[in-house]
């Protein structure tokens, strides 16, 4: 549908920085964790949350959350994760209420040293034959010279401004993907 197409274009535009935000909301945070062969310490990070103007009728846009991984205690390499496992990102609003929990299963056990890739997960609300794209997470993976895997640079998330209507029956459908040909690319050499 046209609405779905516009929403998809909006999401790709904001994730890639091609659309200027209408404003920002301070105070969002996220807790990042991973599990697999080992469980790194959970970390709490600030979320820069932006909203956009989608149309002239002032309909609210979803938030685009930008979580920097190149600052603070993990700035040098990123967030060390197992080669295969689950990433969990819990987003909190300024009142410390959980807004959304993203859970993504990944497997980069075949990732060569000094390469990079990404993972993108889209979640749709589906009800009575109608699909509405509601949530998205985009994360980047990098491998070190020794083959350790890190989430690096940033994590970008798109999430609804308002909770779903609890009086409406729907189910969630999630699609996770990443590049396939090639699956991994060489990392730029540090200067």
N, C-alpha and C. Protein backbone atom coordinates (compact mmCIF):
# COMPACT_ATOMS: atom_id res chain seq x y z
N UNK A 1 0.83 -1.19 0.00
CA UNK A 1 0.00 0.00 0.00
C UNK A 1 0.87 1.25 0.00
N UNK A 2 0.29 2.39 -0.33
CA UNK A 2 1.03 3.65 -0.38
C UNK A 2 1.52 4.04 1.00
N UNK A 3 0.69 3.88 2.03
CA UNK A 3 1.09 4.21 3.39
C UNK A 3 2.29 3.37 3.81
N UNK A 4 2.24 2.07 3.53
CA UNK A 4 3.34 1.18 3.88
C UNK A 4 4.62 1.59 3.15
N UNK A 5 4.49 1.96 1.87
CA UNK A 5 5.64 2.39 1.09
C UNK A 5 6.24 3.66 1.66
N UNK A 6 5.40 4.62 2.03
CA UNK A 6 5.89 5.87 2.60
C UNK A 6 6.57 5.62 3.94
N UNK A 7 6.00 4.75 4.77
CA UNK A 7 6.60 4.45 6.05
C UNK A 7 7.95 3.78 5.86
N UNK A 8 8.05 2.85 4.91
CA UNK A 8 9.34 2.20 4.63
C UNK A 8 10.37 3.21 4.16
N UNK A 9 9.98 4.14 3.28
CA UNK A 9 10.89 5.18 2.82
C UNK A 9 11.30 6.08 3.97
N UNK A 10 10.37 6.42 4.85
CA UNK A 10 10.68 7.23 6.03
C UNK A 10 11.73 6.54 6.88
N UNK A 11 11.51 5.26 7.16
CA UNK A 11 12.43 4.53 8.03
C UNK A 11 13.83 4.47 7.44
N UNK A 12 13.94 4.15 6.16
CA UNK A 12 15.26 4.09 5.53
C UNK A 12 15.90 5.48 5.51
N UNK A 13 15.11 6.52 5.29
CA UNK A 13 15.64 7.89 5.26
C UNK A 13 16.19 8.31 6.62
N UNK A 14 15.45 8.05 7.70
CA UNK A 14 15.94 8.47 9.02
C UNK A 14 17.10 7.60 9.48
N UNK A 15 17.07 6.31 9.19
CA UNK A 15 18.17 5.44 9.60
C UNK A 15 19.47 5.84 8.91
N UNK A 16 19.37 6.35 7.70
CA UNK A 16 20.56 6.73 6.94
C UNK A 16 20.86 8.23 7.00
N UNK A 17 20.17 8.97 7.87
CA UNK A 17 20.46 10.38 8.08
C UNK A 17 20.08 11.29 6.93
N UNK A 18 19.12 10.88 6.11
CA UNK A 18 18.72 11.69 4.95
C UNK A 18 17.49 12.55 5.23
N UNK A 19 17.05 12.59 6.48
CA UNK A 19 15.87 13.38 6.82
C UNK A 19 16.15 14.10 8.14
N UNK A 20 15.90 15.40 8.17
CA UNK A 20 16.14 16.18 9.38
C UNK A 20 15.00 16.00 10.37
N UNK A 21 15.33 15.84 11.66
CA UNK A 21 14.26 15.68 12.66
C UNK A 21 13.53 16.98 12.92
N UNK A 22 12.29 16.85 13.36
CA UNK A 22 11.48 17.99 13.77
C UNK A 22 11.88 18.43 15.18
N UNK A 23 12.31 17.46 16.00
CA UNK A 23 12.70 17.76 17.37
C UNK A 23 13.29 16.54 18.05
N UNK A 24 13.68 16.72 19.31
CA UNK A 24 14.29 15.64 20.08
C UNK A 24 13.65 15.58 21.46
N UNK A 25 13.72 14.40 22.06
CA UNK A 25 13.22 14.21 23.42
C UNK A 25 14.39 13.67 24.25
N UNK A 26 14.73 14.39 25.31
CA UNK A 26 15.84 13.97 26.18
C UNK A 26 15.36 12.96 27.20
N UNK A 27 16.30 12.17 27.72
CA UNK A 27 16.02 11.30 28.85
C UNK A 27 15.82 9.84 28.53
N UNK A 28 15.74 9.45 27.26
CA UNK A 28 15.64 8.03 26.93
C UNK A 28 16.98 7.36 27.19
N UNK A 29 16.94 6.11 27.65
CA UNK A 29 18.15 5.31 27.84
C UNK A 29 17.89 3.91 27.31
N UNK A 30 18.96 3.14 27.19
CA UNK A 30 18.83 1.75 26.74
C UNK A 30 19.81 0.89 27.51
N UNK A 31 19.38 -0.33 27.80
CA UNK A 31 20.28 -1.32 28.40
C UNK A 31 20.60 -2.34 27.33
N UNK A 32 21.90 -2.53 27.07
CA UNK A 32 22.38 -3.45 26.05
C UNK A 32 22.98 -4.67 26.73
N UNK A 33 22.59 -5.85 26.25
CA UNK A 33 23.17 -7.09 26.76
C UNK A 33 23.25 -8.10 25.63
N UNK A 34 24.05 -9.12 25.85
CA UNK A 34 24.20 -10.20 24.88
C UNK A 34 24.41 -11.50 25.64
N UNK A 35 24.08 -12.60 24.99
CA UNK A 35 24.32 -13.91 25.60
C UNK A 35 24.70 -14.89 24.51
N UNK A 36 25.40 -15.92 24.91
CA UNK A 36 25.89 -16.95 24.00
C UNK A 36 26.89 -17.80 24.77
N UNK A 37 28.09 -17.98 24.21
CA UNK A 37 29.14 -18.74 24.90
C UNK A 37 29.61 -18.02 26.16
N UNK A 38 29.39 -16.73 26.23
CA UNK A 38 29.64 -15.95 27.43
C UNK A 38 28.62 -14.81 27.46
N UNK A 39 28.49 -14.19 28.61
CA UNK A 39 27.53 -13.09 28.76
C UNK A 39 28.27 -11.84 29.21
N UNK A 40 28.51 -10.90 28.30
CA UNK A 40 29.18 -9.66 28.71
C UNK A 40 28.31 -8.87 29.67
N UNK A 41 28.95 -7.99 30.42
CA UNK A 41 28.21 -7.15 31.37
C UNK A 41 27.18 -6.30 30.64
N UNK A 42 26.01 -6.15 31.26
CA UNK A 42 24.99 -5.25 30.71
C UNK A 42 25.52 -3.83 30.82
N UNK A 43 25.21 -3.00 29.83
CA UNK A 43 25.60 -1.60 29.92
C UNK A 43 24.38 -0.72 29.66
N UNK A 44 24.35 0.42 30.34
CA UNK A 44 23.26 1.39 30.18
C UNK A 44 23.82 2.57 29.39
N UNK A 45 23.12 2.94 28.33
CA UNK A 45 23.60 3.99 27.43
C UNK A 45 22.50 5.01 27.17
N UNK A 46 22.88 6.28 26.94
CA UNK A 46 21.87 7.27 26.57
C UNK A 46 21.37 7.03 25.15
N UNK A 47 20.12 7.38 24.92
CA UNK A 47 19.51 7.28 23.59
C UNK A 47 19.14 8.69 23.14
N UNK A 48 19.65 9.10 22.00
CA UNK A 48 19.21 10.36 21.39
C UNK A 48 17.94 10.02 20.62
N UNK A 49 16.79 10.48 21.10
CA UNK A 49 15.49 10.14 20.49
C UNK A 49 14.97 11.33 19.71
N UNK A 50 14.66 11.10 18.44
CA UNK A 50 14.21 12.15 17.53
C UNK A 50 12.82 11.82 17.00
N UNK A 51 12.05 12.86 16.70
CA UNK A 51 10.78 12.67 16.01
C UNK A 51 10.78 13.54 14.77
N UNK A 52 9.90 13.21 13.83
CA UNK A 52 9.92 13.80 12.49
C UNK A 52 8.53 14.28 12.10
N UNK A 53 8.48 15.12 11.12
CA UNK A 53 7.20 15.57 10.55
C UNK A 53 6.97 14.74 9.30
N UNK A 54 5.93 13.91 9.34
CA UNK A 54 5.63 13.04 8.21
C UNK A 54 4.64 13.66 7.24
N UNK A 55 3.76 14.52 7.76
CA UNK A 55 2.73 15.11 6.89
C UNK A 55 2.27 16.43 7.51
N UNK A 56 1.44 17.12 6.78
CA UNK A 56 0.93 18.41 7.26
C UNK A 56 -0.14 18.28 8.34
N UNK A 57 -0.66 17.07 8.57
CA UNK A 57 -1.72 16.91 9.58
C UNK A 57 -1.17 16.65 10.98
N UNK A 58 0.14 16.80 11.16
CA UNK A 58 0.80 16.64 12.46
C UNK A 58 0.60 15.26 13.09
N UNK A 59 0.39 14.25 12.27
CA UNK A 59 0.32 12.88 12.80
C UNK A 59 1.69 12.54 13.40
N UNK A 60 1.72 11.91 14.57
CA UNK A 60 3.02 11.65 15.21
C UNK A 60 3.83 10.60 14.44
N UNK A 61 5.10 10.88 14.29
CA UNK A 61 5.99 9.90 13.67
C UNK A 61 6.51 8.97 14.77
N UNK A 62 7.03 7.82 14.38
CA UNK A 62 7.74 7.01 15.37
C UNK A 62 9.00 7.76 15.82
N UNK A 63 9.58 7.34 16.92
CA UNK A 63 10.87 7.88 17.34
C UNK A 63 11.98 7.14 16.61
N UNK A 64 13.05 7.86 16.33
CA UNK A 64 14.28 7.22 15.87
C UNK A 64 15.28 7.41 16.99
N UNK A 65 15.74 6.30 17.55
CA UNK A 65 16.70 6.35 18.64
C UNK A 65 18.10 6.05 18.12
N UNK A 66 19.05 6.87 18.54
CA UNK A 66 20.44 6.73 18.11
C UNK A 66 21.28 6.48 19.36
N UNK A 67 21.92 5.33 19.41
CA UNK A 67 22.70 4.92 20.58
C UNK A 67 24.16 4.82 20.17
N UNK A 68 24.98 5.69 20.71
CA UNK A 68 26.40 5.71 20.33
C UNK A 68 27.18 4.65 21.10
N UNK A 69 27.97 3.90 20.37
CA UNK A 69 28.85 2.91 20.98
C UNK A 69 30.30 3.35 20.89
N UNK A 70 30.54 4.54 20.36
CA UNK A 70 31.91 5.04 20.21
C UNK A 70 32.25 6.10 21.26
N UNK A 71 31.50 6.10 22.37
CA UNK A 71 31.76 6.99 23.49
C UNK A 71 31.71 6.18 24.79
N UNK A 72 32.28 6.73 25.83
CA UNK A 72 32.19 6.09 27.14
C UNK A 72 33.10 4.88 27.29
N UNK A 73 32.73 3.95 28.19
CA UNK A 73 33.62 2.85 28.56
C UNK A 73 33.90 1.85 27.43
N UNK A 74 33.06 1.80 26.41
CA UNK A 74 33.28 0.84 25.32
C UNK A 74 33.74 1.54 24.04
N UNK A 75 34.17 2.80 24.15
CA UNK A 75 34.46 3.62 22.97
C UNK A 75 35.57 3.05 22.09
N UNK A 76 36.58 2.46 22.67
CA UNK A 76 37.75 2.05 21.88
C UNK A 76 37.42 0.97 20.86
N UNK A 77 36.79 -0.12 21.30
CA UNK A 77 36.53 -1.24 20.39
C UNK A 77 35.05 -1.48 20.13
N UNK A 78 34.21 -1.12 21.07
CA UNK A 78 32.80 -1.44 20.96
C UNK A 78 32.39 -2.39 22.07
N UNK A 79 31.24 -3.01 21.92
CA UNK A 79 30.69 -3.92 22.93
C UNK A 79 31.00 -5.35 22.52
N UNK A 80 31.88 -6.02 23.27
CA UNK A 80 32.32 -7.38 22.97
C UNK A 80 31.18 -8.37 23.16
N UNK A 81 30.90 -9.16 22.13
CA UNK A 81 29.79 -10.13 22.16
C UNK A 81 30.27 -11.49 21.68
N UNK A 82 29.54 -12.56 22.02
CA UNK A 82 29.88 -13.89 21.49
C UNK A 82 29.70 -13.93 19.97
N UNK A 83 30.34 -14.90 19.32
CA UNK A 83 30.23 -15.04 17.86
C UNK A 83 28.84 -15.49 17.43
N UNK A 84 28.11 -16.09 18.34
CA UNK A 84 26.76 -16.58 18.05
C UNK A 84 25.95 -16.40 19.32
N UNK A 85 24.75 -15.86 19.20
CA UNK A 85 23.95 -15.67 20.40
C UNK A 85 22.77 -14.77 20.19
N UNK A 86 22.45 -14.03 21.24
CA UNK A 86 21.29 -13.15 21.25
C UNK A 86 21.70 -11.78 21.78
N UNK A 87 21.25 -10.75 21.09
CA UNK A 87 21.43 -9.37 21.57
C UNK A 87 20.07 -8.92 22.10
N UNK A 88 20.09 -8.28 23.26
CA UNK A 88 18.86 -7.70 23.80
C UNK A 88 19.10 -6.23 24.06
N UNK A 89 18.21 -5.40 23.57
CA UNK A 89 18.27 -3.96 23.81
C UNK A 89 16.92 -3.54 24.39
N UNK A 90 16.96 -3.02 25.61
CA UNK A 90 15.74 -2.56 26.28
C UNK A 90 15.76 -1.04 26.30
N UNK A 91 14.75 -0.42 25.71
CA UNK A 91 14.66 1.04 25.64
C UNK A 91 13.73 1.53 26.74
N UNK A 92 14.20 2.54 27.50
CA UNK A 92 13.44 3.14 28.59
C UNK A 92 13.11 4.59 28.25
N UNK A 93 11.90 5.04 28.59
CA UNK A 93 11.54 6.44 28.38
C UNK A 93 12.11 7.28 29.53
N UNK A 94 11.95 8.61 29.49
CA UNK A 94 12.49 9.45 30.56
C UNK A 94 11.94 9.14 31.96
N UNK A 95 10.79 8.46 32.05
CA UNK A 95 10.23 8.07 33.35
C UNK A 95 10.74 6.71 33.80
N UNK A 96 11.72 6.15 33.08
CA UNK A 96 12.31 4.84 33.39
C UNK A 96 11.35 3.68 33.16
N UNK A 97 10.33 3.89 32.34
CA UNK A 97 9.40 2.83 31.96
C UNK A 97 9.90 2.17 30.69
N UNK A 98 9.80 0.85 30.63
CA UNK A 98 10.23 0.13 29.43
C UNK A 98 9.31 0.50 28.28
N UNK A 99 9.91 0.94 27.17
CA UNK A 99 9.16 1.29 25.97
C UNK A 99 9.15 0.11 25.01
N UNK A 100 10.29 -0.53 24.86
CA UNK A 100 10.40 -1.63 23.91
C UNK A 100 11.60 -2.48 24.27
N UNK A 101 11.46 -3.80 24.08
CA UNK A 101 12.57 -4.73 24.21
C UNK A 101 12.81 -5.34 22.84
N UNK A 102 13.99 -5.11 22.30
CA UNK A 102 14.39 -5.72 21.04
C UNK A 102 15.23 -6.95 21.37
N UNK A 103 14.93 -8.07 20.76
CA UNK A 103 15.72 -9.30 20.93
C UNK A 103 16.06 -9.80 19.54
N UNK A 104 17.35 -9.92 19.26
CA UNK A 104 17.80 -10.37 17.94
C UNK A 104 18.77 -11.52 18.08
N UNK A 105 18.47 -12.63 17.41
CA UNK A 105 19.36 -13.78 17.37
C UNK A 105 20.30 -13.58 16.18
N UNK A 106 21.58 -13.87 16.38
CA UNK A 106 22.56 -13.67 15.32
C UNK A 106 23.58 -14.81 15.32
N UNK A 107 24.27 -14.97 14.20
CA UNK A 107 25.35 -15.96 14.09
C UNK A 107 26.39 -15.42 13.11
N UNK A 108 27.50 -14.94 13.65
CA UNK A 108 28.62 -14.48 12.82
C UNK A 108 29.86 -15.32 13.12
N UNK A 109 29.62 -16.61 13.44
CA UNK A 109 30.74 -17.49 13.79
C UNK A 109 31.69 -17.73 12.62
N UNK A 110 31.25 -17.44 11.39
CA UNK A 110 32.12 -17.59 10.22
C UNK A 110 32.77 -16.26 9.81
N UNK A 111 32.68 -15.24 10.66
CA UNK A 111 33.19 -13.91 10.32
C UNK A 111 34.72 -13.89 10.38
N UNK A 112 35.38 -13.55 9.26
CA UNK A 112 36.85 -13.49 9.27
C UNK A 112 37.35 -12.30 10.09
N UNK A 113 38.61 -12.35 10.54
CA UNK A 113 39.19 -11.20 11.26
C UNK A 113 39.19 -9.94 10.38
N UNK A 114 39.10 -8.80 11.04
CA UNK A 114 39.17 -7.48 10.40
C UNK A 114 38.12 -7.26 9.32
N UNK A 115 36.90 -7.75 9.60
CA UNK A 115 35.78 -7.52 8.68
C UNK A 115 34.62 -6.90 9.45
N UNK A 116 33.58 -6.54 8.72
CA UNK A 116 32.39 -5.94 9.33
C UNK A 116 31.14 -6.39 8.59
N UNK A 117 30.00 -6.27 9.27
CA UNK A 117 28.70 -6.55 8.67
C UNK A 117 27.64 -5.83 9.49
N UNK A 118 26.39 -6.06 9.19
CA UNK A 118 25.31 -5.46 9.98
C UNK A 118 24.15 -6.44 10.08
N UNK A 119 23.27 -6.15 11.02
CA UNK A 119 22.05 -6.93 11.21
C UNK A 119 20.89 -5.94 11.29
N UNK A 120 19.83 -6.25 10.58
CA UNK A 120 18.64 -5.39 10.58
C UNK A 120 17.45 -6.27 10.92
N UNK A 121 16.66 -5.82 11.89
CA UNK A 121 15.47 -6.57 12.29
C UNK A 121 14.26 -5.65 12.19
N UNK A 122 13.22 -6.12 11.50
CA UNK A 122 11.97 -5.37 11.35
C UNK A 122 10.86 -6.17 12.00
N UNK A 123 10.01 -5.50 12.75
CA UNK A 123 8.86 -6.14 13.38
C UNK A 123 7.59 -5.46 12.88
N UNK A 124 6.64 -6.28 12.46
CA UNK A 124 5.38 -5.79 11.93
C UNK A 124 4.25 -6.19 12.87
N UNK A 125 3.30 -5.29 13.06
CA UNK A 125 2.04 -5.64 13.73
C UNK A 125 1.09 -6.07 12.63
N UNK A 126 0.49 -7.23 12.78
CA UNK A 126 -0.40 -7.75 11.75
C UNK A 126 -1.76 -8.00 12.38
N UNK A 127 -2.80 -7.48 11.72
CA UNK A 127 -4.16 -7.73 12.19
C UNK A 127 -5.09 -7.75 10.99
N UNK A 128 -5.93 -8.75 10.91
CA UNK A 128 -6.95 -8.88 9.87
C UNK A 128 -6.43 -8.53 8.48
N UNK A 129 -5.30 -9.11 8.11
CA UNK A 129 -4.77 -8.91 6.77
C UNK A 129 -4.04 -7.60 6.55
N UNK A 130 -3.98 -6.73 7.56
CA UNK A 130 -3.27 -5.46 7.43
C UNK A 130 -1.96 -5.56 8.20
N UNK A 131 -0.90 -5.11 7.57
CA UNK A 131 0.41 -5.15 8.20
C UNK A 131 0.90 -3.72 8.39
N UNK A 132 1.35 -3.41 9.60
CA UNK A 132 1.90 -2.09 9.88
C UNK A 132 3.30 -2.27 10.42
N UNK A 133 4.26 -1.67 9.76
CA UNK A 133 5.65 -1.74 10.17
C UNK A 133 5.83 -0.84 11.38
N UNK A 134 6.21 -1.39 12.50
CA UNK A 134 6.23 -0.59 13.72
C UNK A 134 7.61 -0.40 14.32
N UNK A 135 8.50 -1.38 14.20
CA UNK A 135 9.75 -1.35 14.93
C UNK A 135 10.90 -1.77 14.04
N UNK A 136 12.07 -1.23 14.32
CA UNK A 136 13.24 -1.63 13.55
C UNK A 136 14.48 -1.41 14.41
N UNK A 137 15.46 -2.31 14.28
CA UNK A 137 16.76 -2.15 14.93
C UNK A 137 17.83 -2.43 13.89
N UNK A 138 18.87 -1.61 13.91
CA UNK A 138 19.99 -1.74 12.98
C UNK A 138 21.26 -1.71 13.81
N UNK A 139 22.05 -2.78 13.74
CA UNK A 139 23.29 -2.83 14.52
C UNK A 139 24.44 -3.28 13.63
N UNK A 140 25.64 -2.81 13.97
CA UNK A 140 26.85 -3.10 13.19
C UNK A 140 27.77 -4.02 13.98
N UNK A 141 28.35 -4.98 13.27
CA UNK A 141 29.29 -5.93 13.86
C UNK A 141 30.67 -5.71 13.24
N UNK A 142 31.72 -5.89 14.03
CA UNK A 142 33.09 -5.82 13.52
C UNK A 142 33.92 -6.88 14.21
N UNK A 143 34.90 -7.42 13.50
CA UNK A 143 35.80 -8.40 14.10
C UNK A 143 37.19 -7.79 14.24
N UNK A 144 37.87 -8.18 15.30
CA UNK A 144 39.23 -7.68 15.56
C UNK A 144 40.24 -8.56 14.83
N UNK A 145 41.49 -8.17 14.92
CA UNK A 145 42.58 -8.96 14.33
C UNK A 145 42.59 -10.38 14.90
N UNK A 146 42.25 -10.51 16.19
CA UNK A 146 42.24 -11.83 16.84
C UNK A 146 40.93 -12.59 16.62
N UNK A 147 39.95 -11.97 15.94
CA UNK A 147 38.69 -12.64 15.66
C UNK A 147 37.58 -12.39 16.67
N UNK A 148 37.83 -11.54 17.66
CA UNK A 148 36.77 -11.19 18.61
C UNK A 148 35.71 -10.35 17.89
N UNK A 149 34.46 -10.49 18.32
CA UNK A 149 33.35 -9.80 17.68
C UNK A 149 32.85 -8.67 18.59
N UNK A 150 32.57 -7.53 17.98
CA UNK A 150 32.10 -6.35 18.70
C UNK A 150 30.92 -5.72 17.98
N UNK A 151 29.97 -5.20 18.75
CA UNK A 151 29.01 -4.24 18.21
C UNK A 151 29.76 -2.92 18.22
N UNK A 152 29.72 -2.17 17.12
CA UNK A 152 30.52 -0.95 17.06
C UNK A 152 29.76 0.24 16.50
N UNK A 153 30.30 1.40 16.68
CA UNK A 153 29.85 2.70 16.19
C UNK A 153 28.52 3.14 16.79
N UNK A 154 27.41 2.46 16.42
CA UNK A 154 26.11 2.87 16.93
C UNK A 154 25.09 1.76 16.74
N UNK A 155 23.97 1.93 17.41
CA UNK A 155 22.78 1.11 17.18
C UNK A 155 21.66 2.11 16.92
N UNK A 156 20.86 1.83 15.89
CA UNK A 156 19.75 2.72 15.55
C UNK A 156 18.45 1.93 15.69
N UNK A 157 17.48 2.54 16.32
CA UNK A 157 16.20 1.87 16.52
C UNK A 157 15.06 2.81 16.14
N UNK A 158 14.01 2.24 15.59
CA UNK A 158 12.78 2.98 15.34
C UNK A 158 11.70 2.31 16.16
N UNK A 159 11.00 3.11 16.97
CA UNK A 159 9.96 2.54 17.82
C UNK A 159 8.79 3.51 17.91
N UNK A 160 7.62 2.96 18.19
CA UNK A 160 6.38 3.74 18.22
C UNK A 160 6.39 4.74 19.37
N UNK A 161 5.79 5.88 19.14
CA UNK A 161 5.65 6.90 20.18
C UNK A 161 4.60 6.51 21.20
N UNK A 162 3.62 5.75 20.77
CA UNK A 162 2.51 5.38 21.65
C UNK A 162 2.42 3.86 21.71
N UNK A 163 2.00 3.32 22.85
CA UNK A 163 1.85 1.86 22.94
C UNK A 163 0.73 1.39 22.01
N UNK A 164 0.75 0.12 21.64
CA UNK A 164 -0.32 -0.39 20.78
C UNK A 164 -1.66 -0.37 21.50
N UNK A 165 -2.73 -0.33 20.73
CA UNK A 165 -4.08 -0.36 21.27
C UNK A 165 -4.34 -1.75 21.84
N UNK A 166 -4.48 -1.85 23.15
CA UNK A 166 -4.65 -3.15 23.79
C UNK A 166 -5.99 -3.79 23.49
N UNK A 167 -6.94 -3.02 22.98
CA UNK A 167 -8.25 -3.57 22.63
C UNK A 167 -8.28 -4.19 21.25
N UNK A 168 -7.18 -4.12 20.52
CA UNK A 168 -7.12 -4.65 19.16
C UNK A 168 -6.31 -5.93 19.14
N UNK A 169 -6.85 -6.96 18.50
CA UNK A 169 -6.13 -8.24 18.38
C UNK A 169 -5.15 -8.14 17.21
N UNK A 170 -3.91 -8.47 17.47
CA UNK A 170 -2.90 -8.49 16.43
C UNK A 170 -1.79 -9.44 16.86
N UNK A 171 -0.92 -9.78 15.92
CA UNK A 171 0.26 -10.54 16.28
C UNK A 171 1.47 -9.86 15.65
N UNK A 172 2.65 -10.14 16.19
CA UNK A 172 3.88 -9.54 15.70
C UNK A 172 4.60 -10.52 14.80
N UNK A 173 5.07 -10.03 13.69
CA UNK A 173 5.86 -10.82 12.74
C UNK A 173 7.23 -10.14 12.63
N UNK A 174 8.31 -10.88 12.88
CA UNK A 174 9.65 -10.32 12.88
C UNK A 174 10.49 -10.92 11.76
N UNK A 175 11.23 -10.07 11.06
CA UNK A 175 12.13 -10.48 9.99
C UNK A 175 13.52 -9.93 10.32
N UNK A 176 14.52 -10.81 10.34
CA UNK A 176 15.90 -10.40 10.60
C UNK A 176 16.72 -10.71 9.37
N UNK A 177 17.52 -9.73 8.92
CA UNK A 177 18.37 -9.98 7.76
C UNK A 177 19.65 -9.15 7.86
N UNK A 178 20.50 -9.37 6.89
CA UNK A 178 21.77 -8.66 6.77
C UNK A 178 22.27 -8.87 5.36
N UNK A 179 23.45 -8.37 5.06
CA UNK A 179 23.97 -8.55 3.71
C UNK A 179 24.28 -10.02 3.43
N UNK A 180 24.20 -10.40 2.15
CA UNK A 180 24.46 -11.80 1.79
C UNK A 180 25.58 -11.96 0.77
N UNK A 181 25.78 -11.01 -0.11
CA UNK A 181 26.80 -11.18 -1.15
C UNK A 181 27.51 -9.87 -1.42
N UNK A 182 28.56 -9.57 -0.69
CA UNK A 182 29.19 -10.41 0.32
C UNK A 182 28.55 -10.20 1.69
N UNK A 183 28.67 -11.23 2.51
CA UNK A 183 28.13 -11.17 3.88
C UNK A 183 29.00 -10.26 4.75
N UNK A 184 30.32 -10.29 4.51
CA UNK A 184 31.28 -9.50 5.29
C UNK A 184 32.13 -8.66 4.34
N UNK A 185 32.51 -7.47 4.79
CA UNK A 185 33.41 -6.62 4.02
C UNK A 185 34.60 -6.25 4.90
N UNK A 186 35.71 -5.90 4.27
CA UNK A 186 36.91 -5.51 5.01
C UNK A 186 36.65 -4.23 5.78
N UNK A 187 37.23 -4.17 6.97
CA UNK A 187 37.12 -2.96 7.79
C UNK A 187 38.17 -1.95 7.34
N UNK A 188 37.83 -0.67 7.39
CA UNK A 188 38.86 0.33 7.11
C UNK A 188 39.95 0.24 8.17
N UNK A 189 41.17 0.39 7.76
CA UNK A 189 42.30 0.34 8.71
C UNK A 189 42.28 1.56 9.61
N UNK A 190 42.52 1.37 10.92
CA UNK A 190 42.58 2.53 11.82
C UNK A 190 43.78 3.41 11.46
N UNK A 191 43.62 4.71 11.64
CA UNK A 191 44.71 5.64 11.30
C UNK A 191 45.62 5.86 12.46
